[in-house]
Amino acid sequence: MRKIAIISAILENPGECQKEFNETVHQYQKMIRGRLGVPFPEENIGAVSLTVMGTMDEINSFTGKLGKIEHVSVKTAVSKKEIE
């Protein structure tokens, strides 16, 4: 069963981690239904919100890979409702 999830990521020093972050996002592009990025150039931080739909294994794999990237912090909220 699939679920909807919101993955929130903070990229500190985006110049150092943005390429790897975007490559990882590209690997999971079939799951992604929406993406919003907000730059904070003065603070050298980027905030990204990804809306995804997938199985819990897929969502966990995706967030795990994002969380292993240096300078990236990730939190995920997952719907309780399951989608067939």
N, C-alpha and C. Protein backbone atom coordinates (compact mmCIF):
# COMPACT_ATOMS: atom_id res chain seq x y z
N MET A 1 0.83 -1.19 0.00
CA MET A 1 0.00 0.00 0.00
C MET A 1 0.87 1.25 0.00
N ARG A 2 0.41 2.25 -0.71
CA ARG A 2 1.15 3.50 -0.81
C ARG A 2 0.59 4.54 0.16
N LYS A 3 1.43 5.52 0.45
CA LYS A 3 1.05 6.63 1.31
C LYS A 3 1.57 7.93 0.71
N ILE A 4 0.96 9.02 1.14
CA ILE A 4 1.43 10.35 0.79
C ILE A 4 2.37 10.80 1.91
N ALA A 5 3.46 11.45 1.54
CA ALA A 5 4.40 11.96 2.55
C ALA A 5 4.93 13.31 2.10
N ILE A 6 5.29 14.11 3.09
CA ILE A 6 5.97 15.38 2.86
C ILE A 6 7.38 15.23 3.43
N ILE A 7 8.35 15.41 2.58
CA ILE A 7 9.75 15.35 3.00
C ILE A 7 10.28 16.77 3.03
N SER A 8 10.73 17.19 4.20
CA SER A 8 11.30 18.53 4.36
C SER A 8 12.80 18.40 4.53
N ALA A 9 13.53 19.20 3.79
CA ALA A 9 15.00 19.14 3.86
C ALA A 9 15.57 20.54 4.00
N ILE A 10 16.56 20.65 4.86
CA ILE A 10 17.32 21.89 5.02
C ILE A 10 18.73 21.61 4.49
N LEU A 11 19.15 22.42 3.53
CA LEU A 11 20.48 22.29 2.97
C LEU A 11 21.34 23.43 3.51
N GLU A 12 22.29 23.10 4.37
CA GLU A 12 23.23 24.09 4.88
C GLU A 12 24.43 24.08 3.95
N ASN A 13 24.87 25.23 3.54
CA ASN A 13 25.93 25.33 2.53
C ASN A 13 25.49 24.64 1.24
N PRO A 14 24.41 25.11 0.61
CA PRO A 14 23.88 24.43 -0.57
C PRO A 14 24.90 24.23 -1.69
N GLY A 15 25.86 25.12 -1.81
CA GLY A 15 26.88 24.97 -2.83
C GLY A 15 27.66 23.67 -2.72
N GLU A 16 27.74 23.14 -1.49
CA GLU A 16 28.50 21.91 -1.24
C GLU A 16 27.65 20.65 -1.37
N CYS A 17 26.33 20.76 -1.24
CA CYS A 17 25.51 19.54 -1.20
C CYS A 17 24.39 19.52 -2.22
N GLN A 18 24.15 20.62 -2.90
CA GLN A 18 22.99 20.71 -3.80
C GLN A 18 23.07 19.73 -4.97
N LYS A 19 24.24 19.53 -5.54
CA LYS A 19 24.38 18.62 -6.67
C LYS A 19 23.99 17.19 -6.27
N GLU A 20 24.55 16.70 -5.16
CA GLU A 20 24.23 15.35 -4.70
C GLU A 20 22.76 15.24 -4.31
N PHE A 21 22.22 16.28 -3.68
CA PHE A 21 20.81 16.30 -3.32
C PHE A 21 19.94 16.17 -4.56
N ASN A 22 20.21 16.99 -5.58
CA ASN A 22 19.41 16.96 -6.81
C ASN A 22 19.55 15.63 -7.55
N GLU A 23 20.73 15.03 -7.54
CA GLU A 23 20.92 13.73 -8.17
C GLU A 23 20.10 12.66 -7.47
N THR A 24 20.04 12.72 -6.15
CA THR A 24 19.24 11.76 -5.38
C THR A 24 17.76 11.97 -5.66
N VAL A 25 17.31 13.21 -5.68
CA VAL A 25 15.91 13.51 -6.00
C VAL A 25 15.57 12.97 -7.38
N HIS A 26 16.46 13.14 -8.33
CA HIS A 26 16.22 12.65 -9.70
C HIS A 26 16.02 11.13 -9.73
N GLN A 27 16.73 10.40 -8.88
CA GLN A 27 16.60 8.94 -8.82
C GLN A 27 15.19 8.52 -8.40
N TYR A 28 14.50 9.37 -7.66
CA TYR A 28 13.17 9.05 -7.13
C TYR A 28 12.08 9.91 -7.78
N GLN A 29 12.35 10.44 -8.96
CA GLN A 29 11.42 11.39 -9.59
C GLN A 29 10.03 10.80 -9.84
N LYS A 30 9.89 9.51 -10.01
CA LYS A 30 8.57 8.92 -10.26
C LYS A 30 7.66 9.02 -9.04
N MET A 31 8.24 9.14 -7.86
CA MET A 31 7.45 9.26 -6.63
C MET A 31 7.01 10.70 -6.36
N ILE A 32 7.71 11.66 -6.91
CA ILE A 32 7.53 13.06 -6.54
C ILE A 32 6.34 13.66 -7.27
N ARG A 33 5.43 14.25 -6.48
CA ARG A 33 4.25 14.92 -7.02
C ARG A 33 4.37 16.43 -6.96
N GLY A 34 5.26 16.94 -6.10
CA GLY A 34 5.45 18.37 -5.99
C GLY A 34 6.77 18.69 -5.30
N ARG A 35 7.33 19.83 -5.67
CA ARG A 35 8.60 20.26 -5.08
C ARG A 35 8.57 21.78 -4.93
N LEU A 36 9.00 22.24 -3.76
CA LEU A 36 9.08 23.67 -3.49
C LEU A 36 10.43 23.93 -2.84
N GLY A 37 11.19 24.83 -3.44
CA GLY A 37 12.47 25.20 -2.87
C GLY A 37 12.49 26.67 -2.55
N VAL A 38 13.00 27.01 -1.37
CA VAL A 38 13.10 28.40 -0.94
C VAL A 38 14.55 28.68 -0.56
N PRO A 39 15.22 29.54 -1.31
CA PRO A 39 16.61 29.87 -0.97
C PRO A 39 16.68 30.96 0.10
N PHE A 40 17.68 30.86 0.93
CA PHE A 40 18.02 31.89 1.91
C PHE A 40 19.49 32.24 1.67
N PRO A 41 19.79 33.00 0.61
CA PRO A 41 21.18 33.22 0.22
C PRO A 41 22.02 33.94 1.28
N GLU A 42 21.42 34.86 2.01
CA GLU A 42 22.17 35.58 3.03
C GLU A 42 22.61 34.66 4.17
N GLU A 43 21.79 33.63 4.42
CA GLU A 43 22.08 32.69 5.50
C GLU A 43 22.83 31.46 4.99
N ASN A 44 22.99 31.34 3.65
CA ASN A 44 23.64 30.20 3.03
C ASN A 44 22.91 28.89 3.36
N ILE A 45 21.57 28.96 3.23
CA ILE A 45 20.70 27.81 3.52
C ILE A 45 19.64 27.72 2.44
N GLY A 46 19.24 26.50 2.13
CA GLY A 46 18.11 26.27 1.24
C GLY A 46 17.11 25.36 1.94
N ALA A 47 15.82 25.64 1.75
CA ALA A 47 14.76 24.80 2.32
C ALA A 47 13.99 24.19 1.15
N VAL A 48 13.81 22.86 1.20
CA VAL A 48 13.12 22.15 0.14
C VAL A 48 12.03 21.29 0.74
N SER A 49 10.84 21.34 0.13
CA SER A 49 9.72 20.49 0.52
C SER A 49 9.33 19.63 -0.68
N LEU A 50 9.28 18.32 -0.46
CA LEU A 50 8.91 17.38 -1.52
C LEU A 50 7.65 16.64 -1.10
N THR A 51 6.65 16.64 -1.95
CA THR A 51 5.44 15.84 -1.73
C THR A 51 5.58 14.59 -2.57
N VAL A 52 5.50 13.43 -1.91
CA VAL A 52 5.72 12.16 -2.60
C VAL A 52 4.58 11.18 -2.32
N MET A 53 4.48 10.18 -3.20
CA MET A 53 3.56 9.07 -2.97
C MET A 53 4.31 7.78 -3.28
N GLY A 54 4.30 6.86 -2.32
CA GLY A 54 5.00 5.60 -2.51
C GLY A 54 4.75 4.67 -1.35
N THR A 55 5.36 3.49 -1.43
CA THR A 55 5.28 2.56 -0.31
C THR A 55 6.17 3.07 0.81
N MET A 56 5.98 2.55 2.00
CA MET A 56 6.83 2.97 3.11
C MET A 56 8.28 2.61 2.84
N ASP A 57 8.53 1.47 2.20
CA ASP A 57 9.91 1.10 1.87
C ASP A 57 10.53 2.13 0.93
N GLU A 58 9.78 2.58 -0.08
CA GLU A 58 10.29 3.57 -1.02
C GLU A 58 10.54 4.91 -0.33
N ILE A 59 9.59 5.34 0.49
CA ILE A 59 9.72 6.62 1.21
C ILE A 59 10.92 6.57 2.16
N ASN A 60 11.05 5.48 2.89
CA ASN A 60 12.17 5.33 3.83
C ASN A 60 13.52 5.28 3.11
N SER A 61 13.56 4.60 1.97
CA SER A 61 14.80 4.54 1.20
C SER A 61 15.19 5.94 0.71
N PHE A 62 14.23 6.67 0.20
CA PHE A 62 14.47 8.02 -0.31
C PHE A 62 14.97 8.94 0.80
N THR A 63 14.24 8.98 1.91
CA THR A 63 14.65 9.89 3.00
C THR A 63 15.98 9.46 3.60
N GLY A 64 16.23 8.15 3.65
CA GLY A 64 17.51 7.67 4.16
C GLY A 64 18.68 8.15 3.33
N LYS A 65 18.52 8.09 2.00
CA LYS A 65 19.59 8.55 1.11
C LYS A 65 19.79 10.06 1.23
N LEU A 66 18.69 10.81 1.33
CA LEU A 66 18.82 12.26 1.49
C LEU A 66 19.51 12.60 2.81
N GLY A 67 19.14 11.89 3.87
CA GLY A 67 19.70 12.17 5.19
C GLY A 67 21.17 11.85 5.33
N LYS A 68 21.70 11.00 4.44
CA LYS A 68 23.12 10.65 4.49
C LYS A 68 24.01 11.69 3.80
N ILE A 69 23.39 12.63 3.10
CA ILE A 69 24.16 13.66 2.41
C ILE A 69 24.66 14.67 3.44
N GLU A 70 25.96 14.95 3.37
CA GLU A 70 26.54 15.91 4.31
C GLU A 70 25.90 17.28 4.11
N HIS A 71 25.62 17.97 5.21
CA HIS A 71 25.01 19.30 5.25
C HIS A 71 23.50 19.29 4.96
N VAL A 72 22.86 18.11 4.97
CA VAL A 72 21.42 18.02 4.71
C VAL A 72 20.74 17.42 5.94
N SER A 73 19.68 18.09 6.42
CA SER A 73 18.84 17.59 7.51
C SER A 73 17.47 17.30 6.93
N VAL A 74 16.88 16.15 7.30
CA VAL A 74 15.62 15.71 6.70
C VAL A 74 14.62 15.30 7.79
N LYS A 75 13.38 15.70 7.59
CA LYS A 75 12.25 15.24 8.42
C LYS A 75 11.12 14.86 7.49
N THR A 76 10.33 13.87 7.88
CA THR A 76 9.26 13.39 7.03
C THR A 76 7.97 13.25 7.82
N ALA A 77 6.87 13.68 7.21
CA ALA A 77 5.53 13.47 7.76
C ALA A 77 4.80 12.55 6.78
N VAL A 78 4.21 11.48 7.31
CA VAL A 78 3.56 10.47 6.47
C VAL A 78 2.07 10.39 6.81
N SER A 79 1.25 10.30 5.76
CA SER A 79 -0.19 10.19 5.98
C SER A 79 -0.53 8.88 6.68
N LYS A 80 -1.58 8.88 7.45
CA LYS A 80 -2.06 7.65 8.09
C LYS A 80 -2.88 6.83 7.08
N LYS A 81 -3.50 7.51 6.15
CA LYS A 81 -4.35 6.84 5.16
C LYS A 81 -3.50 6.11 4.13
N GLU A 82 -3.90 4.87 3.83
CA GLU A 82 -3.21 4.09 2.80
C GLU A 82 -3.98 4.21 1.49
N ILE A 83 -3.25 4.23 0.39
CA ILE A 83 -3.83 4.38 -0.94
C ILE A 83 -3.59 3.11 -1.72
N GLU A 84 -4.62 2.61 -2.36
CA GLU A 84 -4.45 1.37 -3.14
C GLU A 84 -3.81 1.62 -4.46
